Amino acid sequence: MLTASMPIATTPDQVWVFVSAPDGAVDVVRLAYAPGSPRFVGLPIEAFDPSAVLPTYSPTGELVNGFRWATTADVDAYAYLF
């Protein structure tokens, strides 16, 4: 089972989470948010472009439909999820 840290904001427009596995492996993901819903996903930087304006798959540049990068305001609005 994976364990996630509390969201960490590096700027108001960039929210990250550390994810750890039982074997001690740790990775970082950038949070994406589905506007109008309490849905967040953590997108690993190995497969997604964290510097793109919107969440995109690194290999193809294809957008992650229905999501945008999460902001601190999004996290604050749904703080009970974290």
PDB file of N, CA and C in Angstrom:
ATOM      1  N   MET A   1       0.830  -1.164   0.000  1.00  0.00           N
ATOM      2  CA  MET A   1       0.000   0.000   0.000  1.00  0.00           C
ATOM      3  C   MET A   1       0.887   1.243   0.000  1.00  0.00           C
ATOM      4  N   LEU A   2       0.535   2.213  -0.818  1.00  0.00           N
ATOM      5  CA  LEU A   2       1.284   3.455  -0.882  1.00  0.00           C
ATOM      6  C   LEU A   2       0.789   4.421   0.190  1.00  0.00           C
ATOM      7  N   THR A   3       1.717   5.213   0.707  1.00  0.00           N
ATOM      8  CA  THR A   3       1.375   6.221   1.705  1.00  0.00           C
ATOM      9  C   THR A   3       1.752   7.583   1.158  1.00  0.00           C
ATOM     10  N   ALA A   4       0.831   8.536   1.254  1.00  0.00           N
ATOM     11  CA  ALA A   4       1.074   9.882   0.738  1.00  0.00           C
ATOM     12  C   ALA A   4       1.270  10.859   1.889  1.00  0.00           C
ATOM     13  N   SER A   5       2.153  11.831   1.664  1.00  0.00           N
ATOM     14  CA  SER A   5       2.353  12.901   2.640  1.00  0.00           C
ATOM     15  C   SER A   5       1.225  13.925   2.510  1.00  0.00           C
ATOM     16  N   MET A   6       1.215  14.869   3.395  1.00  0.00           N
ATOM     17  CA  MET A   6       0.322  16.016   3.242  1.00  0.00           C
ATOM     18  C   MET A   6       0.794  16.795   2.014  1.00  0.00           C
ATOM     19  N   PRO A   7      -0.100  17.475   1.315  1.00  0.00           N
ATOM     20  CA  PRO A   7       0.316  18.278   0.164  1.00  0.00           C
ATOM     21  C   PRO A   7       1.326  19.357   0.576  1.00  0.00           C
ATOM     22  N   ILE A   8       2.294  19.566  -0.297  1.00  0.00           N
ATOM     23  CA  ILE A   8       3.345  20.560  -0.065  1.00  0.00           C
ATOM     24  C   ILE A   8       3.324  21.537  -1.233  1.00  0.00           C
ATOM     25  N   ALA A   9       3.135  22.811  -0.935  1.00  0.00           N
ATOM     26  CA  ALA A   9       3.094  23.827  -1.990  1.00  0.00           C
ATOM     27  C   ALA A   9       4.462  24.490  -2.117  1.00  0.00           C
ATOM     28  N   THR A  10       4.983  24.512  -3.339  1.00  0.00           N
ATOM     29  CA  THR A  10       6.219  25.245  -3.587  1.00  0.00           C
ATOM     30  C   THR A  10       5.907  26.663  -4.057  1.00  0.00           C
ATOM     31  N   THR A  11       4.738  26.845  -4.640  1.00  0.00           N
ATOM     32  CA  THR A  11       4.165  28.150  -4.991  1.00  0.00           C
ATOM     33  C   THR A  11       2.649  27.974  -4.861  1.00  0.00           C
ATOM     34  N   PRO A  12       1.875  29.053  -4.907  1.00  0.00           N
ATOM     35  CA  PRO A  12       0.424  28.881  -4.838  1.00  0.00           C
ATOM     36  C   PRO A  12      -0.152  28.038  -5.978  1.00  0.00           C
ATOM     37  N   ASP A  13       0.587  27.916  -7.077  1.00  0.00           N
ATOM     38  CA  ASP A  13       0.108  27.161  -8.236  1.00  0.00           C
ATOM     39  C   ASP A  13       0.767  25.799  -8.413  1.00  0.00           C
ATOM     40  N   GLN A  14       1.597  25.383  -7.465  1.00  0.00           N
ATOM     41  CA  GLN A  14       2.249  24.073  -7.571  1.00  0.00           C
ATOM     42  C   GLN A  14       2.130  23.347  -6.244  1.00  0.00           C
ATOM     43  N   VAL A  15       1.430  22.219  -6.296  1.00  0.00           N
ATOM     44  CA  VAL A  15       1.246  21.411  -5.092  1.00  0.00           C
ATOM     45  C   VAL A  15       1.795  20.011  -5.368  1.00  0.00           C
ATOM     46  N   TRP A  16       2.609  19.532  -4.457  1.00  0.00           N
ATOM     47  CA  TRP A  16       3.294  18.251  -4.601  1.00  0.00           C
ATOM     48  C   TRP A  16       2.986  17.352  -3.422  1.00  0.00           C
ATOM     49  N   VAL A  17       3.196  16.055  -3.610  1.00  0.00           N
ATOM     50  CA  VAL A  17       3.000  15.070  -2.535  1.00  0.00           C
ATOM     51  C   VAL A  17       4.124  14.039  -2.648  1.00  0.00           C
ATOM     52  N   PHE A  18       4.694  13.665  -1.511  1.00  0.00           N
ATOM     53  CA  PHE A  18       5.632  12.552  -1.468  1.00  0.00           C
ATOM     54  C   PHE A  18       4.830  11.281  -1.294  1.00  0.00           C
ATOM     55  N   VAL A  19       5.196  10.242  -2.033  1.00  0.00           N
ATOM     56  CA  VAL A  19       4.524   8.952  -1.948  1.00  0.00           C
ATOM     57  C   VAL A  19       5.580   7.912  -1.589  1.00  0.00           C
ATOM     58  N   SER A  20       5.285   7.117  -0.569  1.00  0.00           N
ATOM     59  CA  SER A  20       6.249   6.089  -0.166  1.00  0.00           C
ATOM     60  C   SER A  20       5.604   4.712  -0.236  1.00  0.00           C
ATOM     61  N   ALA A  21       6.446   3.729  -0.513  1.00  0.00           N
ATOM     62  CA  ALA A  21       6.020   2.340  -0.610  1.00  0.00           C
ATOM     63  C   ALA A  21       6.533   1.579   0.616  1.00  0.00           C
ATOM     64  N   PRO A  22       5.948   0.428   0.920  1.00  0.00           N
ATOM     65  CA  PRO A  22       6.375  -0.351   2.085  1.00  0.00           C
ATOM     66  C   PRO A  22       7.855  -0.749   2.047  1.00  0.00           C
ATOM     67  N   ASP A  23       8.428  -0.872   0.838  1.00  0.00           N
ATOM     68  CA  ASP A  23       9.833  -1.261   0.745  1.00  0.00           C
ATOM     69  C   ASP A  23      10.793  -0.092   0.958  1.00  0.00           C
ATOM     70  N   GLY A  24      10.250   1.101   1.250  1.00  0.00           N
ATOM     71  CA  GLY A  24      11.078   2.266   1.525  1.00  0.00           C
ATOM     72  C   GLY A  24      11.272   3.197   0.338  1.00  0.00           C
ATOM     73  N   ALA A  25      10.802   2.801  -0.828  1.00  0.00           N
ATOM     74  CA  ALA A  25      10.928   3.664  -2.006  1.00  0.00           C
ATOM     75  C   ALA A  25      10.059   4.906  -1.819  1.00  0.00           C
ATOM     76  N   VAL A  26      10.586   6.049  -2.237  1.00  0.00           N
ATOM     77  CA  VAL A  26       9.868   7.317  -2.134  1.00  0.00           C
ATOM     78  C   VAL A  26       9.910   8.008  -3.483  1.00  0.00           C
ATOM     79  N   ASP A  27       8.796   8.596  -3.866  1.00  0.00           N
ATOM     80  CA  ASP A  27       8.717   9.350  -5.118  1.00  0.00           C
ATOM     81  C   ASP A  27       7.904  10.611  -4.844  1.00  0.00           C
ATOM     82  N   VAL A  28       7.963  11.523  -5.779  1.00  0.00           N
ATOM     83  CA  VAL A  28       7.200  12.755  -5.661  1.00  0.00           C
ATOM     84  C   VAL A  28       6.238  12.840  -6.839  1.00  0.00           C
ATOM     85  N   VAL A  29       5.025  13.335  -6.576  1.00  0.00           N
ATOM     86  CA  VAL A  29       4.024  13.514  -7.623  1.00  0.00           C
ATOM     87  C   VAL A  29       3.494  14.940  -7.536  1.00  0.00           C
ATOM     88  N   ARG A  30       3.082  15.465  -8.681  1.00  0.00           N
ATOM     89  CA  ARG A  30       2.429  16.771  -8.692  1.00  0.00           C
ATOM     90  C   ARG A  30       0.929  16.518  -8.694  1.00  0.00           C
ATOM     91  N   LEU A  31       0.202  17.252  -7.862  1.00  0.00           N
ATOM     92  CA  LEU A  31      -1.240  17.058  -7.769  1.00  0.00           C
ATOM     93  C   LEU A  31      -1.960  17.757  -8.912  1.00  0.00           C
ATOM     94  N   ALA A  32      -2.914  17.039  -9.482  1.00  0.00           N
ATOM     95  CA  ALA A  32      -3.818  17.602 -10.482  1.00  0.00           C
ATOM     96  C   ALA A  32      -5.219  17.552  -9.881  1.00  0.00           C
ATOM     97  N   TYR A  33      -6.076  18.460 -10.322  1.00  0.00           N
ATOM     98  CA  TYR A  33      -7.417  18.610  -9.751  1.00  0.00           C
ATOM     99  C   TYR A  33      -8.453  18.639 -10.867  1.00  0.00           C
ATOM    100  N   ALA A  34      -9.582  17.987 -10.628  1.00  0.00           N
ATOM    101  CA  ALA A  34     -10.720  18.012 -11.558  1.00  0.00           C
ATOM    102  C   ALA A  34     -11.682  19.094 -11.077  1.00  0.00           C
ATOM    103  N   PRO A  35     -11.692  20.249 -11.745  1.00  0.00           N
ATOM    104  CA  PRO A  35     -12.526  21.366 -11.283  1.00  0.00           C
ATOM    105  C   PRO A  35     -13.988  20.978 -11.081  1.00  0.00           C
ATOM    106  N   GLY A  36     -14.553  21.512  -9.993  1.00  0.00           N
ATOM    107  CA  GLY A  36     -15.959  21.270  -9.690  1.00  0.00           C
ATOM    108  C   GLY A  36     -16.237  19.974  -8.970  1.00  0.00           C
ATOM    109  N   SER A  37     -15.194  19.270  -8.595  1.00  0.00           N
ATOM    110  CA  SER A  37     -15.375  17.993  -7.901  1.00  0.00           C
ATOM    111  C   SER A  37     -14.284  17.834  -6.856  1.00  0.00           C
ATOM    112  N   PRO A  38     -14.453  16.904  -5.923  1.00  0.00           N
ATOM    113  CA  PRO A  38     -13.399  16.638  -4.947  1.00  0.00           C
ATOM    114  C   PRO A  38     -12.409  15.577  -5.445  1.00  0.00           C
ATOM    115  N   ARG A  39     -12.018  15.658  -6.720  1.00  0.00           N
ATOM    116  CA  ARG A  39     -11.117  14.651  -7.300  1.00  0.00           C
ATOM    117  C   ARG A  39      -9.730  15.233  -7.531  1.00  0.00           C
ATOM    118  N   PHE A  40      -8.757  14.584  -6.935  1.00  0.00           N
ATOM    119  CA  PHE A  40      -7.351  14.917  -7.117  1.00  0.00           C
ATOM    120  C   PHE A  40      -6.635  13.650  -7.548  1.00  0.00           C
ATOM    121  N   VAL A  41      -5.610  13.807  -8.370  1.00  0.00           N
ATOM    122  CA  VAL A  41      -4.735  12.681  -8.713  1.00  0.00           C
ATOM    123  C   VAL A  41      -3.294  13.156  -8.597  1.00  0.00           C
ATOM    124  N   GLY A  42      -2.435  12.249  -8.198  1.00  0.00           N
ATOM    125  CA  GLY A  42      -1.006  12.524  -8.156  1.00  0.00           C
ATOM    126  C   GLY A  42      -0.368  11.977  -9.417  1.00  0.00           C
ATOM    127  N   LEU A  43       0.267  12.855 -10.182  1.00  0.00           N
ATOM    128  CA  LEU A  43       0.870  12.442 -11.448  1.00  0.00           C
ATOM    129  C   LEU A  43       2.395  12.403 -11.306  1.00  0.00           C
ATOM    130  N   PRO A  44       2.987  11.210 -11.451  1.00  0.00           N
ATOM    131  CA  PRO A  44       4.433  11.074 -11.292  1.00  0.00           C
ATOM    132  C   PRO A  44       5.196  11.781 -12.407  1.00  0.00           C
ATOM    133  N   ILE A  45       6.279  12.414 -12.023  1.00  0.00           N
ATOM    134  CA  ILE A  45       7.040  13.211 -12.989  1.00  0.00           C
ATOM    135  C   ILE A  45       7.745  12.349 -14.036  1.00  0.00           C
ATOM    136  N   GLU A  46       7.824  11.053 -13.809  1.00  0.00           N
ATOM    137  CA  GLU A  46       8.435  10.172 -14.795  1.00  0.00           C
ATOM    138  C   GLU A  46       7.544  10.002 -16.027  1.00  0.00           C
ATOM    139  N   ALA A  47       6.236  10.158 -15.860  1.00  0.00           N
ATOM    140  CA  ALA A  47       5.295   9.911 -16.953  1.00  0.00           C
ATOM    141  C   ALA A  47       4.550  11.161 -17.403  1.00  0.00           C
ATOM    142  N   PHE A  48       4.579  12.212 -16.591  1.00  0.00           N
ATOM    143  CA  PHE A  48       3.840  13.428 -16.903  1.00  0.00           C
ATOM    144  C   PHE A  48       4.777  14.624 -16.839  1.00  0.00           C
ATOM    145  N   ASP A  49       4.464  15.665 -17.581  1.00  0.00           N
ATOM    146  CA  ASP A  49       5.305  16.862 -17.641  1.00  0.00           C
ATOM    147  C   ASP A  49       4.860  17.850 -16.566  1.00  0.00           C
ATOM    148  N   PRO A  50       5.570  17.920 -15.438  1.00  0.00           N
ATOM    149  CA  PRO A  50       5.140  18.794 -14.346  1.00  0.00           C
ATOM    150  C   PRO A  50       5.327  20.284 -14.638  1.00  0.00           C
ATOM    151  N   SER A  51       6.056  20.621 -15.682  1.00  0.00           N
ATOM    152  CA  SER A  51       6.273  22.028 -16.009  1.00  0.00           C
ATOM    153  C   SER A  51       5.331  22.533 -17.100  1.00  0.00           C
ATOM    154  N   ALA A  52       4.489  21.665 -17.631  1.00  0.00           N
ATOM    155  CA  ALA A  52       3.528  22.073 -18.652  1.00  0.00           C
ATOM    156  C   ALA A  52       2.429  22.936 -18.014  1.00  0.00           C
ATOM    157  N   VAL A  53       1.789  23.768 -18.801  1.00  0.00           N
ATOM    158  CA  VAL A  53       0.723  24.635 -18.297  1.00  0.00           C
ATOM    159  C   VAL A  53      -0.442  23.809 -17.749  1.00  0.00           C
ATOM    160  N   LEU A  54      -0.782  22.730 -18.426  1.00  0.00           N
ATOM    161  CA  LEU A  54      -1.806  21.791 -17.983  1.00  0.00           C
ATOM    162  C   LEU A  54      -1.177  20.406 -17.901  1.00  0.00           C
ATOM    163  N   PRO A  55      -1.739  19.489 -17.125  1.00  0.00           N
ATOM    164  CA  PRO A  55      -1.165  18.150 -17.033  1.00  0.00           C
ATOM    165  C   PRO A  55      -1.154  17.450 -18.397  1.00  0.00           C
ATOM    166  N   THR A  56       0.009  16.996 -18.802  1.00  0.00           N
ATOM    167  CA  THR A  56       0.161  16.287 -20.069  1.00  0.00           C
ATOM    168  C   THR A  56       1.051  15.069 -19.881  1.00  0.00           C
ATOM    169  N   TYR A  57       0.808  14.056 -20.714  1.00  0.00           N
ATOM    170  CA  TYR A  57       1.664  12.880 -20.742  1.00  0.00           C
ATOM    171  C   TYR A  57       2.983  13.276 -21.394  1.00  0.00           C
ATOM    172  N   SER A  58       4.091  12.971 -20.762  1.00  0.00           N
ATOM    173  CA  SER A  58       5.398  13.349 -21.304  1.00  0.00           C
ATOM    174  C   SER A  58       5.681  12.784 -22.687  1.00  0.00           C
ATOM    175  N   PRO A  59       5.443  11.492 -22.918  1.00  0.00           N
ATOM    176  CA  PRO A  59       5.827  10.935 -24.223  1.00  0.00           C
ATOM    177  C   PRO A  59       5.067  11.544 -25.402  1.00  0.00           C
ATOM    178  N   THR A  60       3.791  11.902 -25.203  1.00  0.00           N
ATOM    179  CA  THR A  60       2.965  12.319 -26.339  1.00  0.00           C
ATOM    180  C   THR A  60       2.532  13.772 -26.295  1.00  0.00           C
ATOM    181  N   GLY A  61       2.589  14.408 -25.128  1.00  0.00           N
ATOM    182  CA  GLY A  61       2.084  15.765 -24.982  1.00  0.00           C
ATOM    183  C   GLY A  61       0.567  15.827 -24.880  1.00  0.00           C
ATOM    184  N   GLU A  62      -0.085  14.660 -24.828  1.00  0.00           N
ATOM    185  CA  GLU A  62      -1.544  14.588 -24.742  1.00  0.00           C
ATOM    186  C   GLU A  62      -2.005  15.084 -23.374  1.00  0.00           C
ATOM    187  N   LEU A  63      -3.075  15.903 -23.373  1.00  0.00           N
ATOM    188  CA  LEU A  63      -3.626  16.430 -22.127  1.00  0.00           C
ATOM    189  C   LEU A  63      -4.291  15.337 -21.305  1.00  0.00           C
ATOM    190  N   VAL A  64      -4.243  15.489 -19.997  1.00  0.00           N
ATOM    191  CA  VAL A  64      -4.983  14.627 -19.090  1.00  0.00           C
ATOM    192  C   VAL A  64      -6.381  15.250 -18.992  1.00  0.00           C
ATOM    193  N   ASN A  65      -7.322  14.700 -19.703  1.00  0.00           N
ATOM    194  CA  ASN A  65      -8.661  15.285 -19.819  1.00  0.00           C
ATOM    195  C   ASN A  65      -9.341  15.456 -18.468  1.00  0.00           C
ATOM    196  N   GLY A  66      -9.956  16.628 -18.290  1.00  0.00           N
ATOM    197  CA  GLY A  66     -10.736  16.899 -17.099  1.00  0.00           C
ATOM    198  C   GLY A  66      -9.947  17.390 -15.907  1.00  0.00           C
ATOM    199  N   PHE A  67      -8.634  17.480 -16.029  1.00  0.00           N
ATOM    200  CA  PHE A  67      -7.798  17.904 -14.907  1.00  0.00           C
ATOM    201  C   PHE A  67      -6.954  19.112 -15.273  1.00  0.00           C
ATOM    202  N   ARG A  68      -6.638  19.890 -14.246  1.00  0.00           N
ATOM    203  CA  ARG A  68      -5.641  20.954 -14.338  1.00  0.00           C
ATOM    204  C   ARG A  68      -4.749  20.806 -13.115  1.00  0.00           C
ATOM    205  N   TRP A  69      -3.632  21.494 -13.110  1.00  0.00           N
ATOM    206  CA  TRP A  69      -2.759  21.396 -11.941  1.00  0.00           C
ATOM    207  C   TRP A  69      -3.472  21.975 -10.727  1.00  0.00           C
ATOM    208  N   ALA A  70      -3.349  21.314  -9.598  1.00  0.00           N
ATOM    209  CA  ALA A  70      -3.963  21.763  -8.356  1.00  0.00           C
ATOM    210  C   ALA A  70      -3.236  22.986  -7.819  1.00  0.00           C
ATOM    211  N   THR A  71      -3.997  23.842  -7.159  1.00  0.00           N
ATOM    212  CA  THR A  71      -3.453  25.019  -6.504  1.00  0.00           C
ATOM    213  C   THR A  71      -3.664  24.890  -5.005  1.00  0.00           C
ATOM    214  N   THR A  72      -3.046  25.791  -4.258  1.00  0.00           N
ATOM    215  CA  THR A  72      -3.267  25.764  -2.810  1.00  0.00           C
ATOM    216  C   THR A  72      -4.731  26.070  -2.487  1.00  0.00           C
ATOM    217  N   ALA A  73      -5.392  26.886  -3.292  1.00  0.00           N
ATOM    218  CA  ALA A  73      -6.812  27.174  -3.069  1.00  0.00           C
ATOM    219  C   ALA A  73      -7.657  25.911  -3.234  1.00  0.00           C
ATOM    220  N   ASP A  74      -7.320  25.074  -4.206  1.00  0.00           N
ATOM    221  CA  ASP A  74      -8.043  23.805  -4.389  1.00  0.00           C
ATOM    222  C   ASP A  74      -7.875  22.910  -3.173  1.00  0.00           C
ATOM    223  N   VAL A  75      -6.641  22.788  -2.710  1.00  0.00           N
ATOM    224  CA  VAL A  75      -6.349  21.938  -1.559  1.00  0.00           C
ATOM    225  C   VAL A  75      -7.059  22.488  -0.329  1.00  0.00           C
ATOM    226  N   ASP A  76      -7.031  23.801  -0.147  1.00  0.00           N
ATOM    227  CA  ASP A  76      -7.717  24.406   1.002  1.00  0.00           C
ATOM    228  C   ASP A  76      -9.220  24.153   0.953  1.00  0.00           C
ATOM    229  N   ALA A  77      -9.797  24.231  -0.251  1.00  0.00           N
ATOM    230  CA  ALA A  77     -11.240  24.028  -0.393  1.00  0.00           C
ATOM    231  C   ALA A  77     -11.653  22.600  -0.034  1.00  0.00           C
ATOM    232  N   TYR A  78     -10.746  21.648  -0.220  1.00  0.00           N
ATOM    233  CA  TYR A  78     -11.042  20.239   0.066  1.00  0.00           C
ATOM    234  C   TYR A  78     -10.069  19.681   1.112  1.00  0.00           C
ATOM    235  N   ALA A  79      -9.736  20.508   2.096  1.00  0.00           N
ATOM    236  CA  ALA A  79      -8.754  20.123   3.111  1.00  0.00           C
ATOM    237  C   ALA A  79      -9.136  18.837   3.837  1.00  0.00           C
ATOM    238  N   TYR A  80     -10.422  18.563   3.956  1.00  0.00           N
ATOM    239  CA  TYR A  80     -10.864  17.355   4.659  1.00  0.00           C
ATOM    240  C   TYR A  80     -10.406  16.069   3.960  1.00  0.00           C
ATOM    241  N   LEU A  81     -10.057  16.154   2.684  1.00  0.00           N
ATOM    242  CA  LEU A  81      -9.566  14.966   1.968  1.00  0.00           C
ATOM    243  C   LEU A  81      -8.131  14.622   2.333  1.00  0.00           C
ATOM    244  N   PHE A  82      -7.417  15.599   2.855  1.00  0.00           N
ATOM    245  CA  PHE A  82      -6.007  15.392   3.122  1.00  0.00           C
ATOM    246  C   PHE A  82      -5.739  15.271   4.603  1.00  0.00           C
TER     247      PHE A  82
END
